[in-house]
C-alpha cells in the first residue's frame, strides 16, 4: 500500500510516516541524539525500509534529523545557538512577510487567517496546547502565503519543522498572549497597514525569543 487518506487529504505512505516521526520529535517522544533505526521503525510502522529511509531523508532536509558517521540517523540537537539563529532569520523574513501580506492579501487569505485565530483560541481555552501550537504555526505560514512572494514563502515553509519544535517547547508560557498578538496582526493586515503589520510581527516574534531560549537552555 503506497498511499493513504489522512484528514481528507491524499498522502503518500512516505508522507504519513514522515508526519508520524516529525510529531514524535516535536512532542519530545524522540529526543535529541535518539537513533532512528530503519529496520526497527519499518517493523513498528509496518512499512518498507525504503519508505522509512525516504521519510528520514525528508526530516533531515527539515533539520529535525542529522546523519552521523557510523551511527546513522539521529534526532537533531536543539542547541541555544541554533534557536537564536532561527529567531534572527524569522525576525527578518516574517516581518517582511507581514508587510507584504498587508499589501497583497486577498479576502480568501483573511478568511483563512481568521479561521486559524478562532480555532487556536478554542484549542487554547480547552487546554489543548498541542493543537494550539499547530494552529499558531499555521497562522504564521498562512500569513507568509498571503504575502504573494513565492520565494519568501518557500524559505519560511522550509523552516516550519524547527519552528514548530521551538513553539512546542515555549508555547505554554504565554498561550493567551499569542492569540492576542495574532488578532492585532490580523487587523493590521485587514486594514492594509503594512507599517503596523511589520512592527507587530517583529514585536510578536521578539517577545517569544527570550522565553524560548530559556526553555531550551533549561532542557539541556
N, C-alpha and C. Protein backbone atom coordinates (compact mmCIF):
# COMPACT_ATOMS: atom_id res chain seq x y z
N UNK A 1 0.86 -1.19 0.00
CA UNK A 1 0.00 0.00 0.00
C UNK A 1 0.89 1.24 0.00
N UNK A 2 0.82 2.08 -1.05
CA UNK A 2 1.73 3.20 -1.16
C UNK A 2 1.11 4.54 -0.85
N UNK A 3 -0.25 4.57 -0.66
CA UNK A 3 -0.90 5.84 -0.44
C UNK A 3 -1.99 5.65 0.60
N UNK A 4 -2.38 6.76 1.23
CA UNK A 4 -3.46 6.69 2.21
C UNK A 4 -4.15 8.04 2.28
N UNK A 5 -5.29 8.06 2.93
CA UNK A 5 -6.02 9.31 3.11
C UNK A 5 -5.96 9.68 4.58
N UNK A 6 -5.53 10.92 4.86
CA UNK A 6 -5.38 11.37 6.24
C UNK A 6 -5.94 12.78 6.33
N UNK A 7 -6.97 12.97 7.20
CA UNK A 7 -7.55 14.29 7.35
C UNK A 7 -8.16 14.83 6.07
N UNK A 8 -8.66 13.93 5.22
CA UNK A 8 -9.30 14.38 4.00
C UNK A 8 -8.33 14.69 2.88
N UNK A 9 -7.04 14.51 3.12
CA UNK A 9 -6.05 14.80 2.09
C UNK A 9 -5.35 13.51 1.68
N UNK A 10 -5.08 13.39 0.39
CA UNK A 10 -4.42 12.21 -0.14
C UNK A 10 -2.93 12.35 0.11
N UNK A 11 -2.33 11.41 0.82
CA UNK A 11 -0.92 11.48 1.16
C UNK A 11 -0.23 10.18 0.82
N UNK A 12 1.02 10.30 0.41
CA UNK A 12 1.80 9.10 0.18
C UNK A 12 2.14 8.45 1.51
N UNK A 13 2.48 7.18 1.47
CA UNK A 13 2.85 6.47 2.69
C UNK A 13 4.09 7.11 3.30
N UNK A 14 5.01 7.55 2.45
CA UNK A 14 6.20 8.24 2.96
C UNK A 14 5.82 9.47 3.77
N UNK A 15 4.83 10.24 3.26
CA UNK A 15 4.41 11.45 3.96
C UNK A 15 3.78 11.12 5.31
N UNK A 16 3.02 10.03 5.35
CA UNK A 16 2.38 9.62 6.60
C UNK A 16 3.43 9.22 7.64
N UNK A 17 4.42 8.44 7.21
CA UNK A 17 5.49 8.04 8.12
C UNK A 17 6.30 9.25 8.55
N UNK A 18 6.57 10.15 7.62
CA UNK A 18 7.31 11.36 7.92
C UNK A 18 6.57 12.19 8.97
N UNK A 19 5.27 12.32 8.81
CA UNK A 19 4.47 13.09 9.76
C UNK A 19 4.48 12.44 11.14
N UNK A 20 4.40 11.12 11.18
CA UNK A 20 4.45 10.41 12.46
C UNK A 20 5.76 10.65 13.18
N UNK A 21 6.87 10.51 12.47
CA UNK A 21 8.18 10.72 13.08
C UNK A 21 8.39 12.18 13.45
N UNK A 22 7.92 13.08 12.59
CA UNK A 22 8.03 14.52 12.88
C UNK A 22 7.31 14.85 14.18
N UNK A 23 6.10 14.32 14.34
CA UNK A 23 5.34 14.59 15.56
C UNK A 23 6.04 14.03 16.79
N UNK A 24 6.65 12.86 16.66
CA UNK A 24 7.36 12.27 17.79
C UNK A 24 8.54 13.14 18.21
N UNK A 25 9.22 13.72 17.24
CA UNK A 25 10.36 14.59 17.55
C UNK A 25 9.87 15.88 18.20
N UNK A 26 8.86 16.48 17.62
CA UNK A 26 8.36 17.76 18.13
C UNK A 26 7.76 17.60 19.51
N UNK A 27 7.06 16.50 19.75
CA UNK A 27 6.44 16.28 21.05
C UNK A 27 7.43 15.76 22.10
N UNK A 28 8.66 15.49 21.69
CA UNK A 28 9.67 15.04 22.66
C UNK A 28 9.66 13.55 22.92
N UNK A 29 8.84 12.80 22.17
CA UNK A 29 8.86 11.34 22.33
C UNK A 29 10.19 10.77 21.82
N UNK A 30 10.70 11.40 20.78
CA UNK A 30 12.06 11.12 20.31
C UNK A 30 12.92 12.31 20.68
N UNK A 31 13.96 12.07 21.44
CA UNK A 31 14.76 13.15 22.00
C UNK A 31 16.06 13.32 21.22
N UNK A 32 16.71 14.49 21.38
CA UNK A 32 17.99 14.71 20.70
C UNK A 32 18.97 13.56 20.91
N UNK A 33 19.59 13.14 19.82
CA UNK A 33 20.59 12.06 19.78
C UNK A 33 19.96 10.67 19.77
N UNK A 34 18.63 10.56 19.90
CA UNK A 34 17.99 9.25 19.73
C UNK A 34 18.20 8.78 18.29
N UNK A 35 18.54 7.49 18.13
CA UNK A 35 18.78 6.95 16.80
C UNK A 35 17.46 6.56 16.13
N UNK A 36 17.42 6.75 14.82
CA UNK A 36 16.28 6.33 14.01
C UNK A 36 16.74 5.14 13.18
N UNK A 37 16.42 3.97 13.65
CA UNK A 37 16.88 2.73 13.02
C UNK A 37 15.84 2.28 12.00
N UNK A 38 16.23 2.26 10.74
CA UNK A 38 15.29 1.96 9.67
C UNK A 38 14.56 0.64 9.90
N UNK A 39 15.30 -0.41 10.23
CA UNK A 39 14.71 -1.74 10.39
C UNK A 39 13.65 -1.73 11.49
N UNK A 40 13.99 -1.15 12.64
CA UNK A 40 13.06 -1.14 13.77
C UNK A 40 11.81 -0.32 13.46
N UNK A 41 12.00 0.83 12.82
CA UNK A 41 10.85 1.68 12.51
C UNK A 41 9.98 1.04 11.44
N UNK A 42 10.60 0.39 10.49
CA UNK A 42 9.83 -0.29 9.44
C UNK A 42 8.95 -1.39 10.05
N UNK A 43 9.51 -2.14 10.99
CA UNK A 43 8.74 -3.20 11.66
C UNK A 43 7.61 -2.60 12.49
N UNK A 44 7.92 -1.55 13.23
CA UNK A 44 6.92 -0.94 14.10
C UNK A 44 5.76 -0.34 13.32
N UNK A 45 6.09 0.34 12.23
CA UNK A 45 5.07 1.06 11.45
C UNK A 45 4.49 0.22 10.32
N UNK A 46 5.02 -1.00 10.16
CA UNK A 46 4.53 -1.93 9.14
C UNK A 46 4.64 -1.34 7.73
N UNK A 47 5.83 -0.81 7.44
CA UNK A 47 6.12 -0.28 6.11
C UNK A 47 7.49 -0.80 5.69
N UNK A 48 7.87 -0.52 4.47
CA UNK A 48 9.18 -0.96 3.99
C UNK A 48 10.28 -0.05 4.52
N UNK A 49 11.49 -0.57 4.53
CA UNK A 49 12.63 0.23 4.95
C UNK A 49 12.87 1.38 3.97
N UNK A 50 12.50 1.20 2.72
CA UNK A 50 12.66 2.28 1.73
C UNK A 50 11.78 3.47 2.10
N UNK A 51 10.55 3.18 2.54
CA UNK A 51 9.64 4.26 2.95
C UNK A 51 10.22 5.00 4.15
N UNK A 52 10.73 4.26 5.12
CA UNK A 52 11.31 4.88 6.31
C UNK A 52 12.53 5.71 5.92
N UNK A 53 13.36 5.17 5.03
CA UNK A 53 14.57 5.89 4.60
C UNK A 53 14.20 7.22 3.94
N UNK A 54 13.17 7.20 3.08
CA UNK A 54 12.75 8.42 2.41
C UNK A 54 12.19 9.44 3.41
N UNK A 55 11.45 8.95 4.41
CA UNK A 55 10.92 9.84 5.44
C UNK A 55 12.05 10.47 6.24
N UNK A 56 13.05 9.69 6.59
CA UNK A 56 14.19 10.21 7.34
C UNK A 56 14.95 11.25 6.53
N UNK A 57 15.09 11.01 5.23
CA UNK A 57 15.76 11.99 4.36
C UNK A 57 15.00 13.31 4.34
N UNK A 58 13.68 13.24 4.33
CA UNK A 58 12.87 14.46 4.36
C UNK A 58 13.06 15.19 5.68
N UNK A 59 13.08 14.47 6.79
CA UNK A 59 13.27 15.09 8.10
C UNK A 59 14.67 15.69 8.23
N UNK A 60 15.64 15.08 7.58
CA UNK A 60 16.99 15.65 7.56
C UNK A 60 16.99 16.98 6.81
N UNK A 61 16.23 17.03 5.72
CA UNK A 61 16.12 18.28 4.96
C UNK A 61 15.44 19.37 5.79
N UNK A 62 14.57 18.96 6.72
CA UNK A 62 13.88 19.91 7.59
C UNK A 62 14.69 20.26 8.84
N UNK A 63 15.89 19.73 8.95
CA UNK A 63 16.80 19.99 10.08
C UNK A 63 16.30 19.40 11.39
N UNK A 64 15.42 18.39 11.29
CA UNK A 64 14.97 17.70 12.50
C UNK A 64 15.79 16.44 12.77
N UNK A 65 16.50 15.98 11.76
CA UNK A 65 17.32 14.78 11.85
C UNK A 65 18.70 15.10 11.29
N UNK A 66 19.72 14.51 11.88
CA UNK A 66 21.09 14.64 11.37
C UNK A 66 21.64 13.25 11.08
N UNK A 67 22.51 13.18 10.10
CA UNK A 67 23.16 11.93 9.75
C UNK A 67 24.56 11.94 10.36
N UNK A 68 24.82 10.98 11.25
CA UNK A 68 26.08 10.91 11.97
C UNK A 68 26.92 9.75 11.43
N UNK A 69 28.17 10.01 11.04
CA UNK A 69 29.02 8.93 10.52
C UNK A 69 29.09 7.74 11.47
N UNK A 70 28.90 6.54 10.93
CA UNK A 70 28.99 5.26 11.65
C UNK A 70 27.86 5.06 12.66
N UNK A 71 26.96 6.02 12.78
CA UNK A 71 25.83 5.84 13.69
C UNK A 71 24.49 6.00 12.99
N UNK A 72 24.50 6.59 11.82
CA UNK A 72 23.27 6.73 11.07
C UNK A 72 22.45 7.95 11.48
N UNK A 73 21.13 7.85 11.28
CA UNK A 73 20.23 8.97 11.54
C UNK A 73 19.96 9.13 13.02
N UNK A 74 20.00 10.38 13.49
CA UNK A 74 19.70 10.70 14.87
C UNK A 74 18.82 11.95 14.91
N UNK A 75 18.03 12.07 15.97
CA UNK A 75 17.27 13.30 16.18
C UNK A 75 18.25 14.46 16.38
N UNK A 76 18.03 15.53 15.67
CA UNK A 76 18.95 16.66 15.72
C UNK A 76 18.95 17.31 17.09
N UNK A 77 20.10 17.80 17.54
CA UNK A 77 20.14 18.53 18.81
C UNK A 77 19.37 19.84 18.69
N UNK A 78 18.96 20.37 19.82
CA UNK A 78 18.27 21.66 19.85
C UNK A 78 19.13 22.59 20.71
N UNK A 79 20.15 23.15 20.08
CA UNK A 79 21.11 23.98 20.79
C UNK A 79 20.64 25.43 20.84
N UNK A 80 21.06 26.15 21.89
CA UNK A 80 20.69 27.55 22.03
C UNK A 80 21.11 28.36 20.81
N UNK A 81 22.32 28.08 20.29
CA UNK A 81 22.83 28.83 19.15
C UNK A 81 21.92 28.64 17.93
N UNK A 82 21.48 27.40 17.72
CA UNK A 82 20.60 27.11 16.59
C UNK A 82 19.26 27.84 16.73
N UNK A 83 18.73 27.84 17.95
CA UNK A 83 17.45 28.51 18.19
C UNK A 83 17.60 30.02 18.03
N UNK A 84 18.71 30.56 18.51
CA UNK A 84 18.97 32.00 18.34
C UNK A 84 19.06 32.37 16.86
N UNK A 85 19.73 31.54 16.08
CA UNK A 85 19.84 31.77 14.64
C UNK A 85 18.47 31.72 13.99
N UNK A 86 17.65 30.77 14.43
CA UNK A 86 16.32 30.61 13.87
C UNK A 86 15.48 31.87 14.12
N UNK A 87 15.56 32.41 15.32
CA UNK A 87 14.80 33.62 15.63
C UNK A 87 15.30 34.81 14.83
N UNK A 88 16.60 34.90 14.63
CA UNK A 88 17.14 36.01 13.85
C UNK A 88 16.60 35.99 12.42
N UNK A 89 16.55 34.80 11.84
CA UNK A 89 16.02 34.66 10.49
C UNK A 89 14.53 34.98 10.46
N UNK A 90 13.79 34.45 11.44
CA UNK A 90 12.36 34.70 11.49
C UNK A 90 12.04 36.18 11.65
N UNK A 91 12.80 36.88 12.48
CA UNK A 91 12.53 38.30 12.70
C UNK A 91 12.59 39.08 11.39
N UNK A 92 13.52 38.72 10.54
CA UNK A 92 13.66 39.43 9.28
C UNK A 92 12.65 38.97 8.23
N UNK A 93 12.52 37.66 8.04
CA UNK A 93 11.67 37.15 6.98
C UNK A 93 10.18 37.34 7.29
N UNK A 94 9.77 37.08 8.52
CA UNK A 94 8.34 37.16 8.84
C UNK A 94 7.87 38.60 8.99
N UNK A 95 8.79 39.50 9.35
CA UNK A 95 8.42 40.92 9.35
C UNK A 95 8.14 41.38 7.93
N UNK A 96 9.02 41.01 7.01
CA UNK A 96 8.80 41.33 5.60
C UNK A 96 7.51 40.70 5.09
N UNK A 97 7.27 39.46 5.47
CA UNK A 97 6.06 38.76 5.03
C UNK A 97 4.80 39.47 5.50
N UNK A 98 4.80 39.93 6.76
CA UNK A 98 3.63 40.63 7.29
C UNK A 98 3.38 41.93 6.53
N UNK A 99 4.44 42.65 6.20
CA UNK A 99 4.30 43.88 5.44
C UNK A 99 3.70 43.61 4.07
N UNK A 100 4.22 42.59 3.40
CA UNK A 100 3.73 42.27 2.06
C UNK A 100 2.31 41.70 2.12
N UNK A 101 2.00 40.96 3.18
CA UNK A 101 0.64 40.42 3.33
C UNK A 101 -0.37 41.55 3.45
N UNK A 102 -0.01 42.60 4.19
CA UNK A 102 -0.91 43.75 4.33
C UNK A 102 -1.16 44.42 2.98
N UNK A 103 -0.18 44.36 2.11
CA UNK A 103 -0.31 44.99 0.80
C UNK A 103 -1.02 44.10 -0.22
N UNK A 104 -0.84 42.79 -0.10
CA UNK A 104 -1.27 41.88 -1.16
C UNK A 104 -2.38 40.90 -0.78
N UNK A 105 -2.81 40.87 0.49
CA UNK A 105 -3.76 39.84 0.93
C UNK A 105 -5.06 39.90 0.14
N UNK A 106 -5.68 38.74 0.03
CA UNK A 106 -6.99 38.62 -0.61
C UNK A 106 -8.04 38.35 0.46
N UNK A 107 -9.30 38.39 0.07
CA UNK A 107 -10.37 38.06 1.02
C UNK A 107 -10.24 36.62 1.50
N UNK A 108 -9.81 35.73 0.60
CA UNK A 108 -9.62 34.33 0.98
C UNK A 108 -8.50 34.20 2.02
N UNK A 109 -7.45 34.99 1.88
CA UNK A 109 -6.38 34.98 2.87
C UNK A 109 -6.91 35.41 4.24
N UNK A 110 -7.71 36.47 4.24
CA UNK A 110 -8.27 36.96 5.51
C UNK A 110 -9.16 35.91 6.16
N UNK A 111 -9.97 35.24 5.36
CA UNK A 111 -10.84 34.19 5.90
C UNK A 111 -10.02 33.07 6.51
N UNK A 112 -8.96 32.67 5.84
CA UNK A 112 -8.09 31.61 6.33
C UNK A 112 -7.43 32.02 7.65
N UNK A 113 -6.90 33.23 7.70
CA UNK A 113 -6.24 33.71 8.91
C UNK A 113 -7.23 33.81 10.07
N UNK A 114 -8.45 34.29 9.80
CA UNK A 114 -9.46 34.41 10.86
C UNK A 114 -9.85 33.03 11.39
N UNK A 115 -10.02 32.06 10.50
CA UNK A 115 -10.35 30.70 10.92
C UNK A 115 -9.27 30.13 11.84
N UNK A 116 -8.01 30.39 11.51
CA UNK A 116 -6.90 29.87 12.32
C UNK A 116 -6.87 30.53 13.69
N UNK A 117 -7.11 31.83 13.74
CA UNK A 117 -7.16 32.53 15.03
C UNK A 117 -8.27 31.97 15.90
N UNK A 118 -9.46 31.81 15.31
CA UNK A 118 -10.61 31.32 16.07
C UNK A 118 -10.36 29.89 16.57
N UNK A 119 -9.81 29.04 15.72
CA UNK A 119 -9.57 27.65 16.10
C UNK A 119 -8.48 27.56 17.16
N UNK A 120 -7.44 28.38 17.04
CA UNK A 120 -6.37 28.37 18.03
C UNK A 120 -6.87 28.87 19.38
N UNK A 121 -7.77 29.85 19.37
CA UNK A 121 -8.34 30.35 20.62
C UNK A 121 -9.15 29.24 21.30
N UNK A 122 -9.94 28.52 20.53
CA UNK A 122 -10.75 27.44 21.10
C UNK A 122 -9.86 26.34 21.68
N UNK A 123 -8.81 25.99 20.97
CA UNK A 123 -7.90 24.95 21.46
C UNK A 123 -7.18 25.40 22.72
N UNK A 124 -6.77 26.67 22.77
CA UNK A 124 -6.09 27.19 23.96
C UNK A 124 -7.03 27.18 25.15
N UNK A 125 -8.25 27.62 24.95
CA UNK A 125 -9.23 27.65 26.05
C UNK A 125 -9.56 26.25 26.54
N UNK A 126 -9.47 25.27 25.65
CA UNK A 126 -9.75 23.88 26.02
C UNK A 126 -8.53 23.20 26.64
N UNK A 127 -7.40 23.92 26.67
CA UNK A 127 -6.18 23.34 27.23
C UNK A 127 -5.47 22.38 26.29
N UNK A 128 -5.85 22.40 25.03
CA UNK A 128 -5.24 21.51 24.04
C UNK A 128 -4.06 22.24 23.40
N UNK A 129 -2.93 22.28 24.10
CA UNK A 129 -1.79 23.06 23.64
C UNK A 129 -1.14 22.46 22.40
N UNK A 130 -1.25 21.16 22.24
CA UNK A 130 -0.67 20.54 21.05
C UNK A 130 -1.35 21.06 19.79
N UNK A 131 -2.68 21.09 19.82
CA UNK A 131 -3.42 21.62 18.67
C UNK A 131 -3.21 23.11 18.52
N UNK A 132 -3.19 23.83 19.65
CA UNK A 132 -2.96 25.28 19.60
C UNK A 132 -1.61 25.60 18.98
N UNK A 133 -0.60 24.81 19.33
CA UNK A 133 0.74 25.02 18.75
C UNK A 133 0.71 24.87 17.25
N UNK A 134 0.07 23.81 16.78
CA UNK A 134 0.00 23.58 15.34
C UNK A 134 -0.75 24.70 14.63
N UNK A 135 -1.85 25.14 15.21
CA UNK A 135 -2.66 26.18 14.58
C UNK A 135 -1.95 27.53 14.59
N UNK A 136 -1.23 27.83 15.66
CA UNK A 136 -0.49 29.09 15.72
C UNK A 136 0.62 29.11 14.67
N UNK A 137 1.27 27.98 14.46
CA UNK A 137 2.28 27.93 13.41
C UNK A 137 1.61 28.07 12.04
N UNK A 138 0.47 27.43 11.86
CA UNK A 138 -0.24 27.54 10.58
C UNK A 138 -0.63 28.99 10.30
N UNK A 139 -0.93 29.75 11.35
CA UNK A 139 -1.24 31.17 11.17
C UNK A 139 -0.04 31.89 10.58
N UNK A 140 1.14 31.63 11.13
CA UNK A 140 2.36 32.27 10.63
C UNK A 140 2.60 31.88 9.17
N UNK A 141 2.41 30.61 8.84
CA UNK A 141 2.63 30.16 7.47
C UNK A 141 1.59 30.74 6.52
N UNK A 142 0.34 30.83 6.98
CA UNK A 142 -0.71 31.42 6.15
C UNK A 142 -0.45 32.90 5.91
N UNK A 143 0.11 33.57 6.90
CA UNK A 143 0.45 34.99 6.74
C UNK A 143 1.54 35.15 5.67
N UNK A 144 2.52 34.25 5.71
CA UNK A 144 3.58 34.29 4.71
C UNK A 144 3.01 34.00 3.32
N UNK A 145 2.10 33.04 3.23
CA UNK A 145 1.48 32.73 1.94
C UNK A 145 0.73 33.94 1.40
N UNK A 146 0.13 34.72 2.31
CA UNK A 146 -0.64 35.90 1.90
C UNK A 146 0.25 37.02 1.37
N UNK A 147 1.55 36.89 1.58
CA UNK A 147 2.48 37.94 1.12
C UNK A 147 2.52 38.03 -0.40
N UNK A 148 2.20 36.94 -1.08
CA UNK A 148 2.26 36.92 -2.52
C UNK A 148 3.66 36.71 -3.07
N UNK A 149 4.62 36.48 -2.18
CA UNK A 149 6.01 36.26 -2.59
C UNK A 149 6.32 34.78 -2.45
N UNK A 150 6.35 34.07 -3.58
CA UNK A 150 6.50 32.62 -3.55
C UNK A 150 7.86 32.19 -3.01
N UNK A 151 8.91 32.93 -3.33
CA UNK A 151 10.23 32.58 -2.83
C UNK A 151 10.30 32.75 -1.33
N UNK A 152 9.79 33.85 -0.82
CA UNK A 152 9.76 34.08 0.62
C UNK A 152 8.98 32.98 1.32
N UNK A 153 7.84 32.61 0.76
CA UNK A 153 7.01 31.56 1.37
C UNK A 153 7.74 30.23 1.40
N UNK A 154 8.45 29.89 0.32
CA UNK A 154 9.14 28.60 0.28
C UNK A 154 10.25 28.54 1.32
N UNK A 155 10.94 29.65 1.53
CA UNK A 155 12.02 29.68 2.53
C UNK A 155 11.45 29.50 3.93
N UNK A 156 10.40 30.24 4.25
CA UNK A 156 9.81 30.16 5.59
C UNK A 156 9.19 28.78 5.82
N UNK A 157 8.52 28.23 4.83
CA UNK A 157 7.93 26.90 4.98
C UNK A 157 9.01 25.84 5.23
N UNK A 158 10.18 26.02 4.65
CA UNK A 158 11.26 25.05 4.85
C UNK A 158 11.75 25.03 6.29
N UNK A 159 11.44 26.06 7.05
CA UNK A 159 11.86 26.15 8.46
C UNK A 159 10.76 25.71 9.42
N UNK A 160 9.63 25.26 8.88
CA UNK A 160 8.47 25.01 9.74
C UNK A 160 8.71 23.90 10.75
N UNK A 161 9.53 22.89 10.41
CA UNK A 161 9.80 21.81 11.37
C UNK A 161 10.50 22.32 12.62
N UNK A 162 11.68 22.96 12.48
CA UNK A 162 12.35 23.52 13.65
C UNK A 162 11.51 24.56 14.39
N UNK A 163 10.78 25.39 13.64
CA UNK A 163 9.95 26.41 14.29
C UNK A 163 8.88 25.75 15.15
N UNK A 164 8.23 24.72 14.61
CA UNK A 164 7.19 24.03 15.38
C UNK A 164 7.78 23.36 16.61
N UNK A 165 8.99 22.86 16.49
CA UNK A 165 9.67 22.24 17.63
C UNK A 165 9.91 23.25 18.75
N UNK A 166 10.34 24.44 18.37
CA UNK A 166 10.56 25.50 19.36
C UNK A 166 9.23 25.99 19.92
N UNK A 167 8.23 26.13 19.05
CA UNK A 167 6.89 26.52 19.51
C UNK A 167 6.42 25.60 20.62
N UNK A 168 6.60 24.29 20.42
CA UNK A 168 6.08 23.31 21.37
C UNK A 168 6.76 23.44 22.72
N UNK A 169 8.03 23.79 22.72
CA UNK A 169 8.76 23.94 23.97
C UNK A 169 8.30 25.17 24.75
N UNK A 170 8.07 26.26 24.02
CA UNK A 170 7.78 27.54 24.69
C UNK A 170 6.30 27.91 24.69
N UNK A 171 5.46 27.13 24.03
CA UNK A 171 4.07 27.52 23.81
C UNK A 171 3.30 27.76 25.11
N UNK A 172 3.55 26.92 26.11
CA UNK A 172 2.72 27.02 27.32
C UNK A 172 3.12 28.16 28.23
N UNK A 173 4.08 28.99 27.82
CA UNK A 173 4.47 30.12 28.67
C UNK A 173 3.44 31.24 28.59
N UNK A 174 2.99 31.60 27.38
CA UNK A 174 2.03 32.70 27.22
C UNK A 174 1.05 32.39 26.09
N UNK A 175 0.28 31.32 26.17
CA UNK A 175 -0.60 30.96 25.05
C UNK A 175 -1.66 32.01 24.74
N UNK A 176 -2.24 32.63 25.77
CA UNK A 176 -3.26 33.65 25.52
C UNK A 176 -2.67 34.88 24.85
N UNK A 177 -1.43 35.24 25.23
CA UNK A 177 -0.77 36.40 24.62
C UNK A 177 -0.55 36.18 23.13
N UNK A 178 -0.24 34.94 22.74
CA UNK A 178 -0.03 34.64 21.33
C UNK A 178 -1.30 34.89 20.52
N UNK A 179 -2.43 34.50 21.07
CA UNK A 179 -3.71 34.72 20.37
C UNK A 179 -3.97 36.21 20.23
N UNK A 180 -3.76 36.96 21.31
CA UNK A 180 -3.97 38.42 21.26
C UNK A 180 -3.10 39.06 20.20
N UNK A 181 -1.84 38.65 20.15
CA UNK A 181 -0.92 39.19 19.14
C UNK A 181 -1.40 38.88 17.73
N UNK A 182 -1.88 37.66 17.53
CA UNK A 182 -2.34 37.28 16.20
C UNK A 182 -3.58 38.06 15.78
N UNK A 183 -4.46 38.34 16.73
CA UNK A 183 -5.66 39.14 16.44
C UNK A 183 -5.25 40.54 15.99
N UNK A 184 -4.32 41.16 16.71
CA UNK A 184 -3.87 42.51 16.35
C UNK A 184 -3.17 42.52 15.00
N UNK A 185 -2.36 41.50 14.76
CA UNK A 185 -1.65 41.42 13.48
C UNK A 185 -2.63 41.23 12.32
N UNK A 186 -3.64 40.39 12.54
CA UNK A 186 -4.64 40.17 11.50
C UNK A 186 -5.38 41.46 11.19
N UNK A 187 -5.71 42.25 12.19
CA UNK A 187 -6.42 43.50 11.96
C UNK A 187 -5.57 44.48 11.17
N UNK A 188 -4.26 44.52 11.42
CA UNK A 188 -3.38 45.39 10.65
C UNK A 188 -3.32 44.94 9.20
N UNK A 189 -3.27 43.64 8.99
CA UNK A 189 -3.27 43.11 7.62
C UNK A 189 -4.59 43.41 6.94
N UNK A 190 -5.68 43.25 7.67
CA UNK A 190 -7.01 43.53 7.11
C UNK A 190 -7.12 45.01 6.69
N UNK A 191 -6.50 45.89 7.49
CA UNK A 191 -6.56 47.33 7.21
C UNK A 191 -5.53 47.76 6.17
N UNK A 192 -4.75 46.82 5.67
CA UNK A 192 -3.68 47.10 4.71
C UNK A 192 -2.65 48.09 5.26
N UNK A 193 -2.42 48.03 6.56
CA UNK A 193 -1.43 48.89 7.22
C UNK A 193 -0.12 48.13 7.29
N UNK A 194 0.70 48.25 6.24
CA UNK A 194 1.93 47.47 6.15
C UNK A 194 2.92 47.83 7.25
N UNK A 195 3.02 49.12 7.57
CA UNK A 195 3.96 49.54 8.61
C UNK A 195 3.62 48.93 9.95
N UNK A 196 2.35 49.01 10.33
CA UNK A 196 1.93 48.46 11.62
C UNK A 196 2.05 46.93 11.62
N UNK A 197 1.69 46.30 10.52
CA UNK A 197 1.79 44.84 10.43
C UNK A 197 3.22 44.38 10.63
N UNK A 198 4.18 45.07 10.01
CA UNK A 198 5.58 44.71 10.18
C UNK A 198 6.05 44.89 11.61
N UNK A 199 5.66 45.99 12.23
CA UNK A 199 6.07 46.24 13.62
C UNK A 199 5.47 45.21 14.58
N UNK A 200 4.21 44.86 14.35
CA UNK A 200 3.55 43.87 15.21
C UNK A 200 4.18 42.49 15.04
N UNK A 201 4.50 42.13 13.80
CA UNK A 201 5.12 40.83 13.56
C UNK A 201 6.48 40.75 14.25
N UNK A 202 7.25 41.82 14.12
CA UNK A 202 8.58 41.84 14.75
C UNK A 202 8.45 41.73 16.28
N UNK A 203 7.56 42.53 16.86
CA UNK A 203 7.39 42.54 18.31
C UNK A 203 6.89 41.19 18.81
N UNK A 204 6.02 40.56 18.04
CA UNK A 204 5.46 39.25 18.42
C UNK A 204 6.55 38.19 18.50
N UNK A 205 7.40 38.14 17.49
CA UNK A 205 8.47 37.15 17.47
C UNK A 205 9.52 37.47 18.54
N UNK A 206 9.84 38.75 18.66
CA UNK A 206 10.84 39.16 19.65
C UNK A 206 10.40 38.81 21.07
N UNK A 207 9.10 38.94 21.35
CA UNK A 207 8.59 38.67 22.69
C UNK A 207 8.72 37.20 23.07
N UNK A 208 8.73 36.32 22.07
CA UNK A 208 8.83 34.89 22.36
C UNK A 208 10.27 34.39 22.34
N UNK A 209 11.21 35.25 21.91
CA UNK A 209 12.59 34.78 21.76
C UNK A 209 13.22 34.42 23.10
N UNK A 210 13.20 35.31 24.08
CA UNK A 210 13.85 35.04 25.37
C UNK A 210 13.24 33.84 26.09
N UNK A 211 11.90 33.76 26.19
CA UNK A 211 11.31 32.58 26.84
C UNK A 211 11.71 31.28 26.15
N UNK A 212 11.75 31.29 24.81
CA UNK A 212 12.11 30.08 24.08
C UNK A 212 13.56 29.69 24.37
N UNK A 213 14.46 30.67 24.36
CA UNK A 213 15.87 30.38 24.63
C UNK A 213 16.06 29.88 26.05
N UNK A 214 15.31 30.44 26.99
CA UNK A 214 15.41 30.00 28.38
C UNK A 214 14.92 28.56 28.54
N UNK A 215 13.83 28.22 27.86
CA UNK A 215 13.31 26.86 27.96
C UNK A 215 14.27 25.85 27.32
N UNK A 216 14.86 26.24 26.19
CA UNK A 216 15.82 25.36 25.52
C UNK A 216 17.03 25.16 26.42
N UNK A 217 17.52 26.23 27.04
CA UNK A 217 18.68 26.12 27.91
C UNK A 217 18.40 25.21 29.10
N UNK A 218 17.21 25.32 29.66
CA UNK A 218 16.86 24.52 30.83
C UNK A 218 16.68 23.04 30.49
N UNK A 219 16.40 22.78 29.21
CA UNK A 219 16.18 21.40 28.77
C UNK A 219 17.48 20.68 28.43
N UNK A 220 18.59 21.42 28.40
CA UNK A 220 19.86 20.80 28.02
C UNK A 220 20.33 19.84 29.10
